[in-house]
Amino acid sequence: MPTPGAASAAATPAQRAAPPPPPPPLGDPCGPNVWASAAHAKDAVPEDAHEYHIRKGLRDAAFQSLQYVPVCPHVPTCSPSCAAPRWAWRPKPR
């Protein structure tokens, strides 16, 4: 009666040394970034963003020097248009 390892012992050395197939490509490795993927929601600050609305009403220094922008937390595995962005403060471009 053959042993369980007998079938693999009958394989040629080339068959035993074959590496596994490479994973499928993820697409462009340089894009989209966390900001670009969520940019479609830029004009839709949610109503429950209390910190943003308070700072906007007070016109404080953080509101004047920072912008509240959507960020995709799922990059690089997200699609180019993120369906569930999160919001974060980022310095305004100069």
N, C-alpha and C. Protein backbone atom coordinates (compact mmCIF):
# COMPACT_ATOMS: atom_id res chain seq x y z
N MET A 1 0.85 -1.18 0.00
CA MET A 1 0.00 0.00 0.00
C MET A 1 0.90 1.24 0.00
N PRO A 2 0.63 2.21 -0.90
CA PRO A 2 1.50 3.39 -0.96
C PRO A 2 1.26 4.30 0.24
N THR A 3 2.28 5.01 0.65
CA THR A 3 2.18 5.95 1.76
C THR A 3 1.67 7.28 1.22
N PRO A 4 1.12 8.14 2.09
CA PRO A 4 0.58 9.43 1.62
C PRO A 4 1.62 10.29 0.92
N GLY A 5 2.86 10.24 1.29
CA GLY A 5 3.88 11.07 0.68
C GLY A 5 4.44 10.48 -0.59
N ALA A 6 4.01 9.28 -0.97
CA ALA A 6 4.56 8.62 -2.14
C ALA A 6 4.21 9.35 -3.43
N ALA A 7 3.04 9.95 -3.51
CA ALA A 7 2.65 10.66 -4.73
C ALA A 7 3.53 11.88 -4.94
N SER A 8 3.86 12.61 -3.88
CA SER A 8 4.71 13.78 -4.05
C SER A 8 6.15 13.37 -4.33
N ALA A 9 6.57 12.18 -3.84
CA ALA A 9 7.92 11.72 -4.12
C ALA A 9 8.07 11.35 -5.58
N ALA A 10 6.96 10.99 -6.25
CA ALA A 10 7.02 10.62 -7.65
C ALA A 10 7.10 11.85 -8.55
N ALA A 11 6.81 13.03 -8.01
CA ALA A 11 6.86 14.25 -8.82
C ALA A 11 8.30 14.57 -9.18
N THR A 12 8.47 15.19 -10.33
CA THR A 12 9.81 15.55 -10.77
C THR A 12 10.31 16.72 -9.94
N PRO A 13 11.62 16.94 -9.86
CA PRO A 13 12.15 18.07 -9.09
C PRO A 13 11.62 19.41 -9.59
N ALA A 14 11.39 19.56 -10.90
CA ALA A 14 10.87 20.83 -11.44
C ALA A 14 9.45 21.09 -10.95
N GLN A 15 8.64 20.04 -10.80
CA GLN A 15 7.26 20.21 -10.32
C GLN A 15 7.25 20.58 -8.84
N ARG A 16 8.15 20.00 -8.06
CA ARG A 16 8.18 20.30 -6.62
C ARG A 16 8.72 21.69 -6.35
N ALA A 17 9.58 22.22 -7.18
CA ALA A 17 10.21 23.52 -6.94
C ALA A 17 9.46 24.67 -7.59
N ALA A 18 8.34 24.42 -8.24
CA ALA A 18 7.61 25.49 -8.93
C ALA A 18 7.05 26.48 -7.91
N PRO A 19 7.34 27.76 -8.07
CA PRO A 19 6.81 28.77 -7.13
C PRO A 19 5.32 28.97 -7.36
N PRO A 20 4.61 29.49 -6.36
CA PRO A 20 3.18 29.76 -6.55
C PRO A 20 3.00 30.89 -7.55
N PRO A 21 1.84 30.96 -8.18
CA PRO A 21 1.62 32.04 -9.16
C PRO A 21 1.60 33.40 -8.46
N PRO A 22 2.02 34.47 -9.14
CA PRO A 22 2.03 35.79 -8.50
C PRO A 22 0.60 36.29 -8.28
N PRO A 23 0.41 37.17 -7.29
CA PRO A 23 -0.93 37.72 -7.05
C PRO A 23 -1.33 38.64 -8.20
N PRO A 24 -2.62 38.86 -8.39
CA PRO A 24 -3.05 39.76 -9.47
C PRO A 24 -2.59 41.19 -9.18
N PRO A 25 -2.33 41.98 -10.22
CA PRO A 25 -1.87 43.35 -10.00
C PRO A 25 -2.97 44.20 -9.36
N LEU A 26 -2.54 45.17 -8.53
CA LEU A 26 -3.48 46.05 -7.84
C LEU A 26 -3.85 47.28 -8.67
N GLY A 27 -3.26 47.43 -9.80
CA GLY A 27 -3.54 48.61 -10.62
C GLY A 27 -2.37 49.58 -10.52
N ASP A 28 -2.64 50.83 -10.74
CA ASP A 28 -1.59 51.84 -10.71
C ASP A 28 -1.06 51.99 -9.29
N PRO A 29 0.24 51.74 -9.04
CA PRO A 29 0.76 51.84 -7.68
C PRO A 29 0.87 53.27 -7.17
N CYS A 30 0.78 54.25 -8.06
CA CYS A 30 0.94 55.64 -7.64
C CYS A 30 -0.38 56.39 -7.52
N GLY A 31 -1.48 55.76 -7.68
CA GLY A 31 -2.71 56.51 -7.58
C GLY A 31 -3.88 55.62 -7.28
N PRO A 32 -4.98 56.06 -6.87
CA PRO A 32 -5.21 57.40 -6.36
C PRO A 32 -4.69 57.52 -4.93
N ASN A 33 -4.46 58.73 -4.49
CA ASN A 33 -4.00 58.91 -3.11
C ASN A 33 -5.21 59.10 -2.19
N VAL A 34 -4.96 59.23 -0.90
CA VAL A 34 -6.07 59.32 0.07
C VAL A 34 -6.94 60.54 -0.14
N TRP A 35 -6.38 61.62 -0.66
CA TRP A 35 -7.17 62.85 -0.86
C TRP A 35 -7.94 62.80 -2.16
N ALA A 36 -7.31 62.32 -3.23
CA ALA A 36 -7.96 62.30 -4.54
C ALA A 36 -9.11 61.32 -4.60
N SER A 37 -9.00 60.23 -3.89
CA SER A 37 -10.04 59.22 -3.94
C SER A 37 -11.33 59.67 -3.26
N ALA A 38 -11.24 60.61 -2.34
CA ALA A 38 -12.43 61.10 -1.65
C ALA A 38 -12.81 62.52 -2.06
N ALA A 39 -12.18 63.06 -3.08
CA ALA A 39 -12.40 64.45 -3.49
C ALA A 39 -13.82 64.72 -3.97
N HIS A 40 -14.54 63.70 -4.42
CA HIS A 40 -15.90 63.93 -4.92
C HIS A 40 -16.84 64.42 -3.81
N ALA A 41 -16.50 64.19 -2.56
CA ALA A 41 -17.36 64.59 -1.44
C ALA A 41 -16.91 65.90 -0.81
N LYS A 42 -16.04 66.65 -1.48
CA LYS A 42 -15.44 67.84 -0.89
C LYS A 42 -16.45 68.92 -0.50
N ASP A 43 -17.51 69.07 -1.24
CA ASP A 43 -18.49 70.13 -0.96
C ASP A 43 -19.61 69.67 -0.03
N ALA A 44 -19.54 68.45 0.46
CA ALA A 44 -20.63 67.90 1.27
C ALA A 44 -20.16 67.61 2.70
N VAL A 45 -19.81 68.65 3.45
CA VAL A 45 -19.41 68.45 4.84
C VAL A 45 -20.64 67.94 5.60
N PRO A 46 -20.52 66.82 6.30
CA PRO A 46 -21.68 66.25 6.97
C PRO A 46 -22.20 67.13 8.11
N GLU A 47 -23.49 67.01 8.38
CA GLU A 47 -24.12 67.80 9.43
C GLU A 47 -23.61 67.40 10.82
N ASP A 48 -23.14 66.17 10.98
CA ASP A 48 -22.67 65.74 12.30
C ASP A 48 -21.21 66.08 12.54
N ALA A 49 -20.60 66.90 11.68
CA ALA A 49 -19.21 67.36 11.88
C ALA A 49 -19.25 68.58 12.78
N HIS A 50 -19.52 68.34 14.06
CA HIS A 50 -19.75 69.43 15.01
C HIS A 50 -18.53 70.34 15.15
N GLU A 51 -17.33 69.76 15.22
CA GLU A 51 -16.13 70.58 15.38
C GLU A 51 -15.98 71.56 14.21
N TYR A 52 -16.23 71.09 12.99
CA TYR A 52 -16.12 71.96 11.82
C TYR A 52 -17.11 73.11 11.91
N HIS A 53 -18.36 72.83 12.22
CA HIS A 53 -19.38 73.88 12.24
C HIS A 53 -19.15 74.88 13.37
N ILE A 54 -18.65 74.42 14.51
CA ILE A 54 -18.35 75.35 15.61
C ILE A 54 -17.18 76.25 15.23
N ARG A 55 -16.11 75.65 14.68
CA ARG A 55 -14.95 76.46 14.28
C ARG A 55 -15.32 77.44 13.15
N LYS A 56 -16.19 77.03 12.26
CA LYS A 56 -16.63 77.91 11.18
C LYS A 56 -17.42 79.09 11.75
N GLY A 57 -18.30 78.81 12.70
CA GLY A 57 -19.09 79.87 13.31
C GLY A 57 -18.25 80.85 14.11
N LEU A 58 -17.19 80.37 14.76
CA LEU A 58 -16.32 81.24 15.55
C LEU A 58 -15.25 81.92 14.71
N ARG A 59 -15.03 81.41 13.49
CA ARG A 59 -13.96 81.91 12.61
C ARG A 59 -12.62 81.90 13.34
N ASP A 60 -12.33 80.82 14.06
CA ASP A 60 -11.09 80.76 14.83
C ASP A 60 -9.89 80.46 13.93
N ALA A 61 -8.70 80.44 14.54
CA ALA A 61 -7.45 80.30 13.78
C ALA A 61 -7.38 78.96 13.06
N ALA A 62 -7.89 77.91 13.66
CA ALA A 62 -7.84 76.60 13.01
C ALA A 62 -8.69 76.61 11.74
N PHE A 63 -9.86 77.24 11.78
CA PHE A 63 -10.71 77.29 10.60
C PHE A 63 -10.08 78.14 9.49
N GLN A 64 -9.40 79.22 9.88
CA GLN A 64 -8.83 80.11 8.89
C GLN A 64 -7.55 79.56 8.25
N SER A 65 -6.80 78.70 8.96
CA SER A 65 -5.54 78.21 8.40
C SER A 65 -5.60 76.75 7.97
N LEU A 66 -6.68 76.06 8.30
CA LEU A 66 -6.81 74.65 7.92
C LEU A 66 -8.05 74.46 7.07
N GLN A 67 -8.05 73.43 6.26
CA GLN A 67 -9.24 73.08 5.49
C GLN A 67 -9.73 71.71 5.96
N TYR A 68 -11.02 71.52 5.96
CA TYR A 68 -11.65 70.27 6.38
C TYR A 68 -11.96 69.49 5.11
N VAL A 69 -11.22 68.42 4.87
CA VAL A 69 -11.32 67.70 3.60
C VAL A 69 -11.64 66.23 3.82
N PRO A 70 -12.29 65.61 2.84
CA PRO A 70 -12.56 64.18 2.93
C PRO A 70 -11.29 63.37 2.68
N VAL A 71 -11.16 62.26 3.40
CA VAL A 71 -10.01 61.37 3.28
C VAL A 71 -10.52 59.95 3.12
N CYS A 72 -9.92 59.20 2.22
CA CYS A 72 -10.30 57.80 2.04
C CYS A 72 -9.43 56.92 2.93
N PRO A 73 -10.01 56.23 3.91
CA PRO A 73 -9.21 55.38 4.79
C PRO A 73 -8.89 54.03 4.18
N HIS A 74 -9.40 53.75 2.99
CA HIS A 74 -9.24 52.43 2.39
C HIS A 74 -8.17 52.35 1.30
N VAL A 75 -7.47 53.43 1.02
CA VAL A 75 -6.44 53.42 -0.02
C VAL A 75 -5.31 52.52 0.43
N PRO A 76 -4.72 51.68 -0.40
CA PRO A 76 -4.78 51.61 -1.85
C PRO A 76 -5.81 50.64 -2.38
N THR A 77 -6.63 50.03 -1.54
CA THR A 77 -7.57 49.03 -2.05
C THR A 77 -8.91 49.61 -2.45
N CYS A 78 -9.12 50.87 -2.27
CA CYS A 78 -10.40 51.51 -2.59
C CYS A 78 -10.48 51.84 -4.07
N SER A 79 -11.68 52.05 -4.53
CA SER A 79 -11.88 52.47 -5.91
C SER A 79 -11.47 53.94 -6.04
N PRO A 80 -11.36 54.46 -7.25
CA PRO A 80 -10.99 55.87 -7.41
C PRO A 80 -11.97 56.84 -6.78
N SER A 81 -13.19 56.41 -6.52
CA SER A 81 -14.18 57.27 -5.88
C SER A 81 -14.67 56.59 -4.61
N CYS A 82 -14.18 57.02 -3.47
CA CYS A 82 -14.49 56.38 -2.19
C CYS A 82 -15.96 56.60 -1.83
N ALA A 83 -16.61 55.54 -1.39
CA ALA A 83 -18.03 55.62 -1.03
C ALA A 83 -18.24 56.07 0.41
N ALA A 84 -17.25 55.89 1.27
CA ALA A 84 -17.39 56.23 2.69
C ALA A 84 -16.17 57.00 3.18
N PRO A 85 -16.00 58.26 2.74
CA PRO A 85 -14.83 59.01 3.19
C PRO A 85 -14.97 59.47 4.64
N ARG A 86 -13.85 59.70 5.27
CA ARG A 86 -13.80 60.31 6.60
C ARG A 86 -13.28 61.72 6.40
N TRP A 87 -13.47 62.56 7.40
CA TRP A 87 -13.09 63.96 7.27
C TRP A 87 -11.92 64.27 8.20
N ALA A 88 -11.00 65.12 7.74
CA ALA A 88 -9.82 65.47 8.52
C ALA A 88 -9.40 66.91 8.23
N TRP A 89 -8.68 67.49 9.19
CA TRP A 89 -8.13 68.83 9.00
C TRP A 89 -6.81 68.71 8.27
N ARG A 90 -6.57 69.61 7.32
CA ARG A 90 -5.34 69.62 6.54
C ARG A 90 -4.94 71.07 6.30
N PRO A 91 -3.63 71.38 6.29
CA PRO A 91 -3.23 72.77 6.03
C PRO A 91 -3.72 73.25 4.67
N LYS A 92 -4.14 74.49 4.62
CA LYS A 92 -4.56 75.07 3.35
C LYS A 92 -3.35 75.29 2.46
N PRO A 93 -3.50 75.06 1.15
CA PRO A 93 -2.37 75.31 0.24
C PRO A 93 -2.05 76.79 0.20
N ARG A 94 -0.78 77.10 0.08
CA ARG A 94 -0.36 78.51 0.04
C ARG A 94 -0.06 78.95 -1.34
